[in-house]
């Protein structure tokens, strides 16, 4: 899937300060997919205040983290690695986790891959894009209407999109910096 995002659809990459996602108030640079030239994300240029808040949070966290036994720190990092690897592998494992009737529908599989892709270039940039882009829910729903199956999946799609919108809303709410 190759999303054609406009500036309004691009998702800002959050800063993580003191364990919370923070949307930078500084200027943004647009990240482009080098293979296609398409804009895929907004990358923040942090303000001095955001940098100071991150440094302050790191200084506050350091004493407790440095007292954590090395074995425990390694377990945390390995668990994080395990989660990242599972996220990357999920699109390739759809055939193991989805029922056969879902796998037969390429449009639905493309929609699912767009929702779960570990690579931002292969993922819908927002809940709105998941609904409106040509590989999104609207296209899948059109296909269901054409096949006279719309009533079977209509509620499921609505629930998926509501969940995506809730996640987007959580990501878009700026958190306190420190």
Protein backbone atom coordinates (compact mmCIF):
# COMPACT_ATOMS: atom_id res chain seq x y z
CA UNK A 1 0.00 0.00 0.00
CA UNK A 2 1.32 3.43 -0.87
CA UNK A 3 -0.56 6.17 0.94
CA UNK A 4 -0.73 9.52 -0.80
CA UNK A 5 -0.77 11.71 2.28
CA UNK A 6 -1.35 15.42 2.25
CA UNK A 7 0.16 17.70 4.88
CA UNK A 8 -3.10 17.52 6.86
CA UNK A 9 -2.97 13.70 6.94
CA UNK A 10 0.66 13.40 8.02
CA UNK A 11 1.13 12.20 11.53
CA UNK A 12 3.58 14.05 13.71
CA UNK A 13 6.21 11.87 15.30
CA UNK A 14 5.83 12.46 19.03
CA UNK A 15 8.63 13.17 21.43
CA UNK A 16 8.77 10.93 24.48
CA UNK A 17 9.54 13.01 27.55
CA UNK A 18 9.23 11.56 31.03
CA UNK A 19 7.40 8.51 29.66
CA UNK A 20 4.73 10.54 27.87
CA UNK A 21 4.14 11.26 24.19
CA UNK A 22 4.44 14.99 23.51
CA UNK A 23 3.72 16.69 20.20
CA UNK A 24 6.43 19.28 19.59
CA UNK A 25 5.47 22.90 19.20
CA UNK A 26 8.61 23.54 17.14
CA UNK A 27 8.87 23.62 13.36
CA UNK A 28 8.40 20.34 11.50
CA UNK A 29 10.35 18.76 8.67
CA UNK A 30 8.59 16.45 6.24
CA UNK A 31 10.05 12.94 5.91
CA UNK A 32 9.79 11.50 2.39
CA UNK A 33 9.90 7.93 1.19
CA UNK A 34 13.14 7.89 -0.86
CA UNK A 35 11.75 5.29 -3.25
CA UNK A 36 8.61 7.23 -4.18
CA UNK A 37 9.21 10.79 -3.02
CA UNK A 38 5.91 10.71 -1.10
CA UNK A 39 5.61 12.56 2.19
CA UNK A 40 5.14 10.04 5.02
CA UNK A 41 5.64 11.87 8.34
CA UNK A 42 6.31 15.15 10.08
CA UNK A 43 9.53 15.10 12.06
CA UNK A 44 9.76 17.74 14.80
CA UNK A 45 12.63 20.11 15.36
CA UNK A 46 12.40 20.41 19.11
CA UNK A 47 12.24 23.72 20.90
CA UNK A 48 14.81 24.63 23.53
CA UNK A 49 12.14 24.11 26.19
CA UNK A 50 11.36 20.60 24.93
CA UNK A 51 15.05 19.69 24.86
CA UNK A 52 15.48 21.05 28.39
CA UNK A 53 12.44 19.10 29.60
CA UNK A 54 13.80 15.88 28.05
CA UNK A 55 17.23 16.41 29.62
CA UNK A 56 15.66 17.18 33.00
CA UNK A 57 13.47 14.07 32.82
CA UNK A 58 16.49 11.94 31.87
CA UNK A 59 18.50 13.35 34.80
CA UNK A 60 15.61 12.57 37.18
CA UNK A 61 15.23 9.03 35.82
CA UNK A 62 18.94 8.20 35.83
CA UNK A 63 19.44 7.47 39.57
CA UNK A 64 16.67 4.85 39.69
CA UNK A 65 17.63 3.34 36.32
CA UNK A 66 21.33 3.19 37.25
CA UNK A 67 20.44 1.32 40.48
CA UNK A 68 18.38 -1.21 38.53
CA UNK A 69 20.40 -4.43 38.21
CA UNK A 70 21.96 -4.97 34.80
CA UNK A 71 20.04 -8.22 34.35
CA UNK A 72 16.73 -6.39 34.90
CA UNK A 73 17.71 -3.60 32.47
CA UNK A 74 18.60 -6.23 29.88
CA UNK A 75 15.22 -7.93 30.39
CA UNK A 76 13.46 -4.61 29.70
CA UNK A 77 15.48 -4.01 26.53
CA UNK A 78 15.03 -7.58 25.30
CA UNK A 79 11.27 -7.40 25.92
CA UNK A 80 11.16 -4.17 23.90
CA UNK A 81 13.12 -5.86 21.11
CA UNK A 82 10.75 -8.85 21.22
CA UNK A 83 7.73 -6.56 20.89
CA UNK A 84 9.29 -4.70 17.95
CA UNK A 85 10.08 -7.97 16.18
CA UNK A 86 6.54 -9.26 16.75
CA UNK A 87 5.11 -6.06 15.31
CA UNK A 88 7.35 -6.33 12.24
CA UNK A 89 6.45 -9.98 11.74
CA UNK A 90 2.67 -9.66 12.15
CA UNK A 91 1.87 -8.60 8.56
CA UNK A 92 3.79 -11.66 7.31
CA UNK A 93 1.88 -13.93 9.74
CA UNK A 94 -1.63 -12.93 8.72
CA UNK A 95 -2.10 -16.33 7.09
CA UNK A 96 -1.55 -17.90 10.55
CA UNK A 97 -3.90 -15.66 12.54
CA UNK A 98 -6.76 -14.81 10.18
CA UNK A 99 -9.53 -17.15 9.04
CA UNK A 100 -9.37 -18.47 5.49
CA UNK A 101 -12.47 -16.51 4.39
CA UNK A 102 -10.72 -13.26 5.34
CA UNK A 103 -7.48 -14.25 3.62
CA UNK A 104 -9.36 -14.87 0.35
CA UNK A 105 -10.34 -11.19 0.19
CA UNK A 106 -7.23 -9.33 -1.01
CA UNK A 107 -8.91 -5.94 -0.46
CA UNK A 108 -9.57 -6.78 3.20
CA UNK A 109 -6.02 -8.10 3.68
CA UNK A 110 -4.62 -4.89 2.17
CA UNK A 111 -6.82 -2.87 4.53
CA UNK A 112 -5.60 -4.91 7.52
CA UNK A 113 -1.94 -4.54 6.48
CA UNK A 114 -2.50 -0.79 6.25
CA UNK A 115 -3.74 -0.74 9.82
CA UNK A 116 -0.96 -2.85 11.37
CA UNK A 117 2.13 -2.18 9.26
CA UNK A 118 5.28 -1.70 11.32
CA UNK A 119 6.76 0.50 8.58
CA UNK A 120 5.03 3.91 8.56
CA UNK A 121 5.24 3.95 4.76
CA UNK A 122 3.06 0.82 4.60
CA UNK A 123 0.64 1.93 7.31
CA UNK A 124 -2.27 4.35 7.09
CA UNK A 125 -1.00 7.73 8.29
CA UNK A 126 -4.22 8.40 10.26
CA UNK A 127 -7.66 7.02 11.06
CA UNK A 128 -9.11 9.36 8.45
CA UNK A 129 -6.78 7.92 5.82
CA UNK A 130 -7.73 4.38 6.90
CA UNK A 131 -11.27 5.30 6.10
CA UNK A 132 -10.82 7.32 2.91
CA UNK A 133 -7.74 6.19 0.98
CA UNK A 134 -8.27 3.87 -1.97
CA UNK A 135 -6.99 0.88 0.06
CA UNK A 136 -9.08 1.88 3.08
CA UNK A 137 -12.40 1.00 4.64
CA UNK A 138 -14.45 2.94 2.09
CA UNK A 139 -13.04 0.84 -0.76
CA UNK A 140 -13.63 -2.37 1.16
CA UNK A 141 -17.17 -1.29 2.01
CA UNK A 142 -17.86 -0.42 -1.66
CA UNK A 143 -16.74 -3.93 -2.61
CA UNK A 144 -19.07 -5.41 0.01
CA UNK A 145 -21.98 -3.37 -1.35
CA UNK A 146 -21.20 -4.56 -4.88
CA UNK A 147 -21.14 -8.16 -3.61
CA UNK A 148 -24.30 -7.59 -1.54
CA UNK A 149 -22.41 -8.43 1.68
CA UNK A 150 -22.31 -4.98 3.29
CA UNK A 151 -24.58 -5.80 6.21
CA UNK A 152 -22.28 -8.63 7.34
CA UNK A 153 -19.23 -6.42 7.96
CA UNK A 154 -20.62 -2.89 8.40
CA UNK A 155 -20.51 -2.86 12.20
CA UNK A 156 -17.03 -4.45 12.33
CA UNK A 157 -15.57 -1.79 10.06
CA UNK A 158 -17.24 0.98 12.05
CA UNK A 159 -15.78 -0.43 15.30
CA UNK A 160 -12.27 -0.73 13.78
CA UNK A 161 -12.39 2.86 12.60
CA UNK A 162 -13.67 4.11 15.95
CA UNK A 163 -10.79 2.32 17.68
CA UNK A 164 -8.31 3.87 15.23
CA UNK A 165 -9.78 7.33 15.79
CA UNK A 166 -9.53 6.86 19.57
CA UNK A 167 -5.89 5.84 19.23
CA UNK A 168 -5.22 8.84 16.97
CA UNK A 169 -6.88 11.12 19.51
CA UNK A 170 -4.71 9.67 22.30
CA UNK A 171 -1.58 10.17 20.19
CA UNK A 172 -2.55 13.71 19.23
CA UNK A 173 -3.18 14.98 22.78
CA UNK A 174 -0.06 16.85 23.88
CA UNK A 175 1.16 15.66 27.26
CA UNK A 176 2.85 17.74 29.91
CA UNK A 177 6.58 17.87 29.20
CA UNK A 178 7.93 17.16 32.69
